[in-house]
Structure formats: structure tokens, C-alpha cells
């Protein structure tokens, strides 16, 4: 191919096209993010309900204390341990404990769970996802589940002393891609 006095062969054109594609993919990946995937149905949670969270050896429990309509906020107490333990005794020095008031989501340590109100005393919690989401240069969006990441189980217990994250009654799930 000849452009004026410049001569370009097919190998050069292929190389230039490859560089353009790589620049586009690099830009797409740089814009990628871990996101909440809404294809898994949220779970209803009542005041006093207990949620379990897991990420590798890290386990956590959350007790929802108060959910308000106006303003739309949640109060909760969290229990967090990184030693692989699956119970949450308040007198155990390996269990970190905290209280949060007036939050718009449930977030502590390495965990973040989206929350929204349903009605007074009842809210929705959303399963976590660990997906790489990016837009390809031609406009298509891709969501790729990454290994690992957070999982959540909603218990039927109201007494934390009766909760063990290894109990087969609790099914840990992530958002589906």
C-alpha cells in the first residue's frame, strides 16, 4: 500500500492494528472495577437479624440493630476475626467488635455489603460480588467473576452465641454474574 511517498506493507498494518487493540484493551482494563452484581436477589433482613460474612480465613458476623426509613440508614454491630475462627464470643480477644450508627451500607474491615430499606425494621441486603467489569473498545460490557472474594449467609438466629460460621445450616453465597 502506498500513501503518498510512504510505503506500508501488510505486516506494518497488522502491527499498527495490534497496537491499537492493545491500547483499547489496556484502557478498558484500567477502567475496570469490582462491583455489586444485582442478578442475585437481595435478602430481607429484620432488626435483630444476624448476617455472616466470609473471605478466606476471615469471618465476620453482623447484627442489624435498627433500620430507619427517614433518613434511610442502618445501625449495626459487627464482629470480626482473621484467625480462621468461626464463632464470635464477646470475651474472646481474637474477636474485634464495633458498632456503627446511621450508615447507608454495611462496611467494616475488608467487608462492604450494600443495604437498603424496605420498611421500618426491615431492610434488604445484597450479596457481594467480586467481578472484574470492563467495557471493550467496541462498547460491549464484560463481567468476569474473580476467584476468592466475599461470601454472605443470612442466618435465622437472633442469638450470636448460637452462631457458628461452619454450621451447615448457613449457606454462603456470592452474587451470580
C-alpha atoms as a PDB file:
ATOM      1  CA  UNK A   1       0.000   0.000   0.000  1.00  0.00           C
ATOM      2  CA  UNK A   2       1.299   3.439  -0.868  1.00  0.00           C
ATOM      3  CA  UNK A   3       0.274   6.649   0.928  1.00  0.00           C
ATOM      4  CA  UNK A   4       1.866   9.484  -0.988  1.00  0.00           C
ATOM      5  CA  UNK A   5       5.577   8.818  -0.759  1.00  0.00           C
ATOM      6  CA  UNK A   6       5.112   6.472   2.277  1.00  0.00           C
ATOM      7  CA  UNK A   7       5.078   2.741   1.547  1.00  0.00           C
ATOM      8  CA  UNK A   8       3.300   0.493   4.098  1.00  0.00           C
ATOM      9  CA  UNK A   9       3.251  -3.307   3.851  1.00  0.00           C
ATOM     10  CA  UNK A  10       0.636  -5.670   5.371  1.00  0.00           C
ATOM     11  CA  UNK A  11       2.949  -6.601   8.244  1.00  0.00           C
ATOM     12  CA  UNK A  12       3.167  -2.950   9.290  1.00  0.00           C
ATOM     13  CA  UNK A  13      -0.623  -2.559   9.078  1.00  0.00           C
ATOM     14  CA  UNK A  14      -1.122  -5.672  11.248  1.00  0.00           C
ATOM     15  CA  UNK A  15       1.366  -4.357  13.810  1.00  0.00           C
ATOM     16  CA  UNK A  16      -0.365  -0.964  13.975  1.00  0.00           C
ATOM     17  CA  UNK A  17      -3.791  -2.650  14.316  1.00  0.00           C
ATOM     18  CA  UNK A  18      -2.441  -4.832  17.126  1.00  0.00           C
ATOM     19  CA  UNK A  19      -1.089  -1.813  18.980  1.00  0.00           C
ATOM     20  CA  UNK A  20      -4.448  -0.025  18.659  1.00  0.00           C
ATOM     21  CA  UNK A  21      -6.298  -3.076  20.050  1.00  0.00           C
ATOM     22  CA  UNK A  22      -3.830  -3.363  22.968  1.00  0.00           C
ATOM     23  CA  UNK A  23      -4.251   0.332  23.800  1.00  0.00           C
ATOM     24  CA  UNK A  24      -8.038  -0.099  23.761  1.00  0.00           C
ATOM     25  CA  UNK A  25      -7.949  -3.208  25.976  1.00  0.00           C
ATOM     26  CA  UNK A  26      -5.492  -1.578  28.373  1.00  0.00           C
ATOM     27  CA  UNK A  27      -7.799   1.428  28.674  1.00  0.00           C
ATOM     28  CA  UNK A  28     -10.776  -0.879  29.253  1.00  0.00           C
ATOM     29  CA  UNK A  29      -8.992  -2.819  31.992  1.00  0.00           C
ATOM     30  CA  UNK A  30      -7.791   0.401  33.629  1.00  0.00           C
ATOM     31  CA  UNK A  31     -11.457   1.432  33.884  1.00  0.00           C
ATOM     32  CA  UNK A  32     -12.420  -1.926  35.394  1.00  0.00           C
ATOM     33  CA  UNK A  33     -13.768  -2.228  38.918  1.00  0.00           C
ATOM     34  CA  UNK A  34     -15.148  -4.660  41.432  1.00  0.00           C
ATOM     35  CA  UNK A  35     -18.880  -4.123  41.505  1.00  0.00           C
ATOM     36  CA  UNK A  36     -22.130  -5.220  43.083  1.00  0.00           C
ATOM     37  CA  UNK A  37     -23.893  -7.627  40.738  1.00  0.00           C
ATOM     38  CA  UNK A  38     -27.657  -7.331  41.054  1.00  0.00           C
ATOM     39  CA  UNK A  39     -28.550 -10.619  39.335  1.00  0.00           C
ATOM     40  CA  UNK A  40     -28.725 -12.413  42.715  1.00  0.00           C
ATOM     41  CA  UNK A  41     -31.876 -11.496  44.595  1.00  0.00           C
ATOM     42  CA  UNK A  42     -31.327  -9.428  47.749  1.00  0.00           C
ATOM     43  CA  UNK A  43     -32.302 -10.946  51.092  1.00  0.00           C
ATOM     44  CA  UNK A  44     -34.710  -9.391  53.533  1.00  0.00           C
ATOM     45  CA  UNK A  45     -33.269  -8.738  56.996  1.00  0.00           C
ATOM     46  CA  UNK A  46     -35.227  -7.761  60.125  1.00  0.00           C
ATOM     47  CA  UNK A  47     -33.935  -5.768  63.082  1.00  0.00           C
ATOM     48  CA  UNK A  48     -32.068  -8.257  65.286  1.00  0.00           C
ATOM     49  CA  UNK A  49     -31.141 -10.443  62.299  1.00  0.00           C
ATOM     50  CA  UNK A  50     -27.630 -11.904  62.008  1.00  0.00           C
ATOM     51  CA  UNK A  51     -25.572 -11.960  58.799  1.00  0.00           C
ATOM     52  CA  UNK A  52     -22.358 -13.965  58.375  1.00  0.00           C
ATOM     53  CA  UNK A  53     -19.543 -12.872  56.060  1.00  0.00           C
ATOM     54  CA  UNK A  54     -16.528 -14.844  54.889  1.00  0.00           C
ATOM     55  CA  UNK A  55     -13.427 -14.038  52.855  1.00  0.00           C
ATOM     56  CA  UNK A  56     -10.750 -16.743  53.024  1.00  0.00           C
ATOM     57  CA  UNK A  57      -9.823 -17.273  56.698  1.00  0.00           C
ATOM     58  CA  UNK A  58     -11.555 -14.030  57.715  1.00  0.00           C
ATOM     59  CA  UNK A  59     -15.009 -14.461  59.265  1.00  0.00           C
ATOM     60  CA  UNK A  60     -17.458 -11.854  60.466  1.00  0.00           C
ATOM     61  CA  UNK A  61     -20.937 -11.556  61.914  1.00  0.00           C
ATOM     62  CA  UNK A  62     -23.254  -8.564  61.781  1.00  0.00           C
ATOM     63  CA  UNK A  63     -26.284  -7.955  63.969  1.00  0.00           C
ATOM     64  CA  UNK A  64     -28.687  -5.455  62.450  1.00  0.00           C
ATOM     65  CA  UNK A  65     -29.964  -3.338  65.343  1.00  0.00           C
ATOM     66  CA  UNK A  66     -32.120  -0.556  63.817  1.00  0.00           C
ATOM     67  CA  UNK A  67     -33.250   0.178  60.237  1.00  0.00           C
ATOM     68  CA  UNK A  68     -34.891   3.545  59.547  1.00  0.00           C
ATOM     69  CA  UNK A  69     -36.946   4.931  56.668  1.00  0.00           C
ATOM     70  CA  UNK A  70     -36.177   8.604  57.049  1.00  0.00           C
ATOM     71  CA  UNK A  71     -33.331   9.049  56.878  1.00  0.00           C
ATOM     72  CA  UNK A  72     -32.681   5.715  55.141  1.00  0.00           C
ATOM     73  CA  UNK A  73     -29.961   4.384  57.458  1.00  0.00           C
ATOM     74  CA  UNK A  74     -28.992   1.238  59.333  1.00  0.00           C
ATOM     75  CA  UNK A  75     -27.377   0.706  62.742  1.00  0.00           C
ATOM     76  CA  UNK A  76     -25.435  -2.498  63.349  1.00  0.00           C
ATOM     77  CA  UNK A  77     -22.825  -4.216  65.479  1.00  0.00           C
ATOM     78  CA  UNK A  78     -20.057  -6.159  63.767  1.00  0.00           C
ATOM     79  CA  UNK A  79     -17.803  -8.990  64.993  1.00  0.00           C
ATOM     80  CA  UNK A  80     -14.618  -9.635  63.003  1.00  0.00           C
ATOM     81  CA  UNK A  81     -11.861 -12.230  63.214  1.00  0.00           C
ATOM     82  CA  UNK A  82      -8.947 -13.006  60.899  1.00  0.00           C
ATOM     83  CA  UNK A  83      -7.626 -16.161  62.568  1.00  0.00           C
ATOM     84  CA  UNK A  84      -9.994 -18.615  60.853  1.00  0.00           C
ATOM     85  CA  UNK A  85     -12.199 -18.927  63.947  1.00  0.00           C
ATOM     86  CA  UNK A  86     -15.914 -19.303  63.222  1.00  0.00           C
ATOM     87  CA  UNK A  87     -17.564 -18.208  66.490  1.00  0.00           C
ATOM     88  CA  UNK A  88     -17.883 -14.699  67.872  1.00  0.00           C
ATOM     89  CA  UNK A  89     -17.631 -14.733  71.661  1.00  0.00           C
ATOM     90  CA  UNK A  90     -17.599 -11.187  73.002  1.00  0.00           C
ATOM     91  CA  UNK A  91     -14.933 -12.098  75.600  1.00  0.00           C
ATOM     92  CA  UNK A  92     -12.541 -13.603  73.014  1.00  0.00           C
ATOM     93  CA  UNK A  93      -9.570 -11.271  72.379  1.00  0.00           C
ATOM     94  CA  UNK A  94      -9.330 -12.599  68.796  1.00  0.00           C
ATOM     95  CA  UNK A  95     -12.762 -11.111  68.009  1.00  0.00           C
ATOM     96  CA  UNK A  96     -12.800  -7.400  67.140  1.00  0.00           C
ATOM     97  CA  UNK A  97     -16.152  -5.716  67.825  1.00  0.00           C
ATOM     98  CA  UNK A  98     -17.569  -2.427  66.638  1.00  0.00           C
ATOM     99  CA  UNK A  99     -20.846  -0.529  66.478  1.00  0.00           C
ATOM    100  CA  UNK A 100     -21.966   1.669  63.580  1.00  0.00           C
ATOM    101  CA  UNK A 101     -24.912   4.071  63.631  1.00  0.00           C
ATOM    102  CA  UNK A 102     -26.568   5.915  60.756  1.00  0.00           C
ATOM    103  CA  UNK A 103     -24.856   4.051  57.905  1.00  0.00           C
ATOM    104  CA  UNK A 104     -26.033   3.692  54.313  1.00  0.00           C
ATOM    105  CA  UNK A 105     -24.254   0.353  53.822  1.00  0.00           C
ATOM    106  CA  UNK A 106     -22.622  -2.292  55.979  1.00  0.00           C
ATOM    107  CA  UNK A 107     -18.865  -1.757  55.898  1.00  0.00           C
ATOM    108  CA  UNK A 108     -16.018  -2.699  58.252  1.00  0.00           C
ATOM    109  CA  UNK A 109     -12.636  -4.409  57.955  1.00  0.00           C
ATOM    110  CA  UNK A 110     -12.391  -5.899  54.462  1.00  0.00           C
ATOM    111  CA  UNK A 111     -16.169  -6.209  54.046  1.00  0.00           C
ATOM    112  CA  UNK A 112     -18.715  -3.999  52.306  1.00  0.00           C
ATOM    113  CA  UNK A 113     -22.311  -5.124  51.806  1.00  0.00           C
ATOM    114  CA  UNK A 114     -24.943  -2.953  50.154  1.00  0.00           C
ATOM    115  CA  UNK A 115     -28.113  -2.341  52.175  1.00  0.00           C
ATOM    116  CA  UNK A 116     -31.398  -0.545  51.534  1.00  0.00           C
ATOM    117  CA  UNK A 117     -34.613  -0.052  53.489  1.00  0.00           C
ATOM    118  CA  UNK A 118     -37.847  -1.952  52.853  1.00  0.00           C
ATOM    119  CA  UNK A 119     -39.968  -0.592  55.691  1.00  0.00           C
ATOM    120  CA  UNK A 120     -39.356   0.331  59.337  1.00  0.00           C
ATOM    121  CA  UNK A 121     -37.383  -2.505  60.938  1.00  0.00           C
ATOM    122  CA  UNK A 122     -36.938  -4.441  57.678  1.00  0.00           C
ATOM    123  CA  UNK A 123     -34.243  -3.902  55.074  1.00  0.00           C
ATOM    124  CA  UNK A 124     -32.613  -5.550  52.074  1.00  0.00           C
ATOM    125  CA  UNK A 125     -29.040  -6.802  51.965  1.00  0.00           C
ATOM    126  CA  UNK A 126     -27.298  -7.600  48.703  1.00  0.00           C
ATOM    127  CA  UNK A 127     -24.927 -10.480  48.070  1.00  0.00           C
ATOM    128  CA  UNK A 128     -21.345  -9.363  47.459  1.00  0.00           C
ATOM    129  CA  UNK A 129     -19.640  -9.952  44.145  1.00  0.00           C
ATOM    130  CA  UNK A 130     -16.031  -9.922  43.156  1.00  0.00           C
ATOM    131  CA  UNK A 131     -16.304  -9.356  39.422  1.00  0.00           C
ATOM    132  CA  UNK A 132     -13.984  -7.576  37.067  1.00  0.00           C
ATOM    133  CA  UNK A 133     -16.277  -5.413  34.923  1.00  0.00           C
ATOM    134  CA  UNK A 134     -14.993  -3.530  31.911  1.00  0.00           C
ATOM    135  CA  UNK A 135     -16.113  -2.062  28.613  1.00  0.00           C
ATOM    136  CA  UNK A 136     -14.470  -3.307  25.435  1.00  0.00           C
ATOM    137  CA  UNK A 137     -13.357  -0.734  22.851  1.00  0.00           C
ATOM    138  CA  UNK A 138     -16.385  -1.553  20.660  1.00  0.00           C
ATOM    139  CA  UNK A 139     -18.843  -0.832  23.507  1.00  0.00           C
ATOM    140  CA  UNK A 140     -19.702  -4.279  24.907  1.00  0.00           C
ATOM    141  CA  UNK A 141     -19.532  -4.680  28.714  1.00  0.00           C
ATOM    142  CA  UNK A 142     -17.911  -7.830  30.151  1.00  0.00           C
ATOM    143  CA  UNK A 143     -18.214  -9.192  33.725  1.00  0.00           C
ATOM    144  CA  UNK A 144     -15.683 -11.829  34.778  1.00  0.00           C
ATOM    145  CA  UNK A 145     -16.010 -13.489  38.210  1.00  0.00           C
ATOM    146  CA  UNK A 146     -12.684 -13.422  40.026  1.00  0.00           C
ATOM    147  CA  UNK A 147     -11.608 -16.219  42.367  1.00  0.00           C
ATOM    148  CA  UNK A 148     -11.986 -15.652  46.073  1.00  0.00           C
ATOM    149  CA  UNK A 149     -13.810 -12.659  47.409  1.00  0.00           C
ATOM    150  CA  UNK A 150     -16.542 -12.187  49.955  1.00  0.00           C
ATOM    151  CA  UNK A 151     -19.477 -14.504  50.546  1.00  0.00           C
ATOM    152  CA  UNK A 152     -22.538 -13.935  52.745  1.00  0.00           C
ATOM    153  CA  UNK A 153     -25.005 -16.098  54.645  1.00  0.00           C
ATOM    154  CA  UNK A 154     -28.196 -14.897  56.308  1.00  0.00           C
ATOM    155  CA  UNK A 155     -28.970 -16.803  59.491  1.00  0.00           C
ATOM    156  CA  UNK A 156     -32.282 -17.474  61.209  1.00  0.00           C
ATOM    157  CA  UNK A 157     -30.678 -16.967  64.639  1.00  0.00           C
ATOM    158  CA  UNK A 158     -31.226 -13.959  66.887  1.00  0.00           C
ATOM    159  CA  UNK A 159     -28.625 -15.044  69.479  1.00  0.00           C
ATOM    160  CA  UNK A 160     -24.990 -14.665  68.377  1.00  0.00           C
ATOM    161  CA  UNK A 161     -23.861 -17.225  70.979  1.00  0.00           C
ATOM    162  CA  UNK A 162     -25.707 -19.882  68.920  1.00  0.00           C
ATOM    163  CA  UNK A 163     -23.995 -18.942  65.653  1.00  0.00           C
ATOM    164  CA  UNK A 164     -21.014 -20.791  64.181  1.00  0.00           C
ATOM    165  CA  UNK A 165     -19.966 -19.864  60.632  1.00  0.00           C
ATOM    166  CA  UNK A 166     -19.190 -23.564  59.958  1.00  0.00           C
ATOM    167  CA  UNK A 167     -22.757 -24.641  60.793  1.00  0.00           C
ATOM    168  CA  UNK A 168     -24.192 -26.440  57.722  1.00  0.00           C
ATOM    169  CA  UNK A 169     -27.469 -24.526  58.199  1.00  0.00           C
ATOM    170  CA  UNK A 170     -25.823 -21.404  56.778  1.00  0.00           C
ATOM    171  CA  UNK A 171     -25.276 -21.279  53.022  1.00  0.00           C
ATOM    172  CA  UNK A 172     -22.633 -18.789  51.961  1.00  0.00           C
ATOM    173  CA  UNK A 173     -23.280 -17.213  48.577  1.00  0.00           C
ATOM    174  CA  UNK A 174     -21.934 -14.507  46.294  1.00  0.00           C
ATOM    175  CA  UNK A 175     -23.805 -12.553  43.673  1.00  0.00           C
ATOM    176  CA  UNK A 176     -24.151 -14.521  40.441  1.00  0.00           C
ATOM    177  CA  UNK A 177     -22.536 -12.998  37.363  1.00  0.00           C
END
